[in-house]
Amino acid sequence: MKKNTFSTKGLTKVYGEGRSAVHALRGVDLDIPEGEIVVLLGPSGSGKSTLLNIIGGLDRATEGEAYFQDQNLSEMTDKQLTLYLCPHRWRHPAGDSGKRDLAARWCAHHGNRQYRKRP
């Protein structure tokens, strides 16, 4: 049995509050086994980018848990999430480039020179 690279349990993301709240994700349970290729399809506004941003460490869920291998991304501090982003940032081309660049600068500044942008 393959172990999961990414998994989520009850993942929820809500933007805003009250009557104007937007529920981007509602209780998403997902298991992506190691080595699997996955395609996310859905209409605009269905939560595809939100899900990728959460499992990519660029955003946080409102509720639920997101895992990369055995690391619970939902319990990580901002610093831990940034360090998680450092080695993986080149593998997330669909993520927000501004946040990736910010993460690279943070990593480089805090002694992780191997993550500096290469010319």
Protein backbone atom coordinates (compact mmCIF):
# COMPACT_ATOMS: atom_id res chain seq x y z
CA MET A 1 0.00 0.00 0.00
CA LYS A 2 1.40 3.40 -1.03
CA LYS A 3 1.63 6.08 1.59
CA ASN A 4 -0.09 9.39 0.94
CA THR A 5 1.90 12.36 -0.26
CA PHE A 6 -0.97 14.76 0.41
CA SER A 7 -4.14 14.24 2.40
CA THR A 8 -6.86 16.40 3.88
CA LYS A 9 -9.52 15.73 6.49
CA GLY A 10 -12.59 17.93 6.77
CA LEU A 11 -10.83 20.83 5.05
CA THR A 12 -12.89 24.02 5.11
CA LYS A 13 -12.03 27.53 3.98
CA VAL A 14 -14.33 30.47 4.57
CA TYR A 15 -13.52 34.00 3.42
CA GLY A 16 -15.30 36.77 5.32
CA GLU A 17 -18.00 36.50 7.97
CA GLY A 18 -21.75 36.56 8.38
CA ARG A 19 -24.02 36.96 5.37
CA SER A 20 -21.15 37.91 3.08
CA ALA A 21 -19.08 34.81 3.95
CA VAL A 22 -17.82 32.82 0.97
CA HIS A 23 -17.36 29.08 1.54
CA ALA A 24 -14.53 28.15 -0.84
CA LEU A 25 -14.11 24.63 0.61
CA ARG A 26 -16.60 22.61 2.63
CA GLY A 27 -15.29 19.53 4.44
CA VAL A 28 -12.90 18.23 1.78
CA ASP A 29 -11.45 14.75 2.43
CA LEU A 30 -8.69 13.82 0.01
CA ASP A 31 -5.90 11.25 -0.21
CA ILE A 32 -3.24 11.49 -2.92
CA PRO A 33 -0.95 8.44 -2.83
CA GLU A 34 2.75 8.79 -3.53
CA GLY A 35 3.51 8.84 -7.26
CA GLU A 36 -0.06 9.52 -8.38
CA ILE A 37 -0.84 12.23 -10.93
CA VAL A 38 -3.97 14.18 -10.10
CA VAL A 39 -6.05 16.59 -12.15
CA LEU A 40 -8.38 19.07 -10.45
CA LEU A 41 -11.29 20.05 -12.66
CA GLY A 42 -14.15 22.35 -11.83
CA PRO A 43 -15.81 25.61 -12.70
CA SER A 44 -14.45 28.98 -11.68
CA GLY A 45 -14.96 29.54 -7.96
CA SER A 46 -15.18 25.85 -7.05
CA GLY A 47 -12.15 25.94 -4.73
CA LYS A 48 -9.40 24.41 -6.89
CA SER A 49 -6.85 27.17 -6.26
CA THR A 50 -7.84 27.42 -2.61
CA LEU A 51 -7.17 23.70 -2.12
CA LEU A 52 -3.81 23.91 -3.90
CA ASN A 53 -2.82 26.98 -1.89
CA ILE A 54 -3.58 25.19 1.39
CA ILE A 55 -1.75 21.94 0.59
CA GLY A 56 1.06 24.02 -0.92
CA GLY A 57 1.50 25.93 2.34
CA LEU A 58 0.51 29.31 0.88
CA ASP A 59 -2.76 29.63 2.81
CA ARG A 60 -4.43 28.20 5.92
CA ALA A 61 -7.70 26.33 6.24
CA THR A 62 -10.45 27.71 8.43
CA GLU A 63 -11.11 24.19 9.76
CA GLY A 64 -9.81 20.69 9.17
CA GLU A 65 -6.35 19.30 8.58
CA ALA A 66 -3.96 19.20 5.63
CA TYR A 67 -0.96 16.87 5.53
CA PHE A 68 2.16 16.58 3.42
CA GLN A 69 3.43 13.06 4.07
CA ASP A 70 3.37 12.92 7.89
CA GLN A 71 3.56 16.69 8.46
CA ASN A 72 0.36 18.36 9.64
CA LEU A 73 0.41 21.68 7.78
CA SER A 74 -2.58 22.90 9.80
CA GLU A 75 -0.57 22.90 13.03
CA MET A 76 2.55 24.57 11.65
CA THR A 77 3.59 28.07 12.67
CA ASP A 78 4.18 30.70 9.99
CA LYS A 79 7.92 30.06 10.23
CA GLN A 80 7.46 26.29 9.85
CA LEU A 81 5.18 26.80 6.83
CA THR A 82 7.77 29.05 5.22
CA LEU A 83 10.48 26.44 5.76
CA TYR A 84 8.09 23.85 4.29
CA LEU A 85 7.70 26.10 1.24
CA CYS A 86 11.45 26.54 0.70
CA PRO A 87 12.36 23.14 -0.73
CA HIS A 88 9.01 22.74 -2.51
CA ARG A 89 8.47 26.19 -3.98
CA TRP A 90 9.96 25.32 -7.37
CA ARG A 91 7.43 22.48 -7.68
CA HIS A 92 4.33 24.68 -7.31
CA PRO A 93 4.15 26.63 -10.59
CA ALA A 94 0.43 27.29 -10.15
CA GLY A 95 0.91 29.00 -6.78
CA ASP A 96 0.99 32.72 -6.18
CA SER A 97 4.38 33.89 -7.49
CA GLY A 98 4.50 36.86 -5.10
CA LYS A 99 4.15 34.58 -2.09
CA ARG A 100 6.72 32.15 -3.52
CA ASP A 101 9.20 34.99 -4.06
CA LEU A 102 8.57 36.26 -0.54
CA ALA A 103 9.18 32.76 0.83
CA ALA A 104 12.43 32.50 -1.14
CA ARG A 105 13.66 35.84 0.24
CA TRP A 106 12.73 34.76 3.79
CA CYS A 107 14.56 31.43 3.35
CA ALA A 108 17.65 33.11 1.92
CA HIS A 109 17.65 35.73 4.68
CA HIS A 110 17.40 33.09 7.41
CA GLY A 111 20.40 31.08 6.31
CA ASN A 112 18.84 28.74 3.77
CA ARG A 113 21.00 30.01 0.93
CA GLN A 114 20.34 26.96 -1.27
CA TYR A 115 16.84 28.34 -1.89
CA ARG A 116 17.95 31.61 -3.40
CA LYS A 117 16.57 32.20 -6.86
CA ARG A 118 19.06 30.95 -9.40
CA PRO A 119 20.04 33.20 -12.36
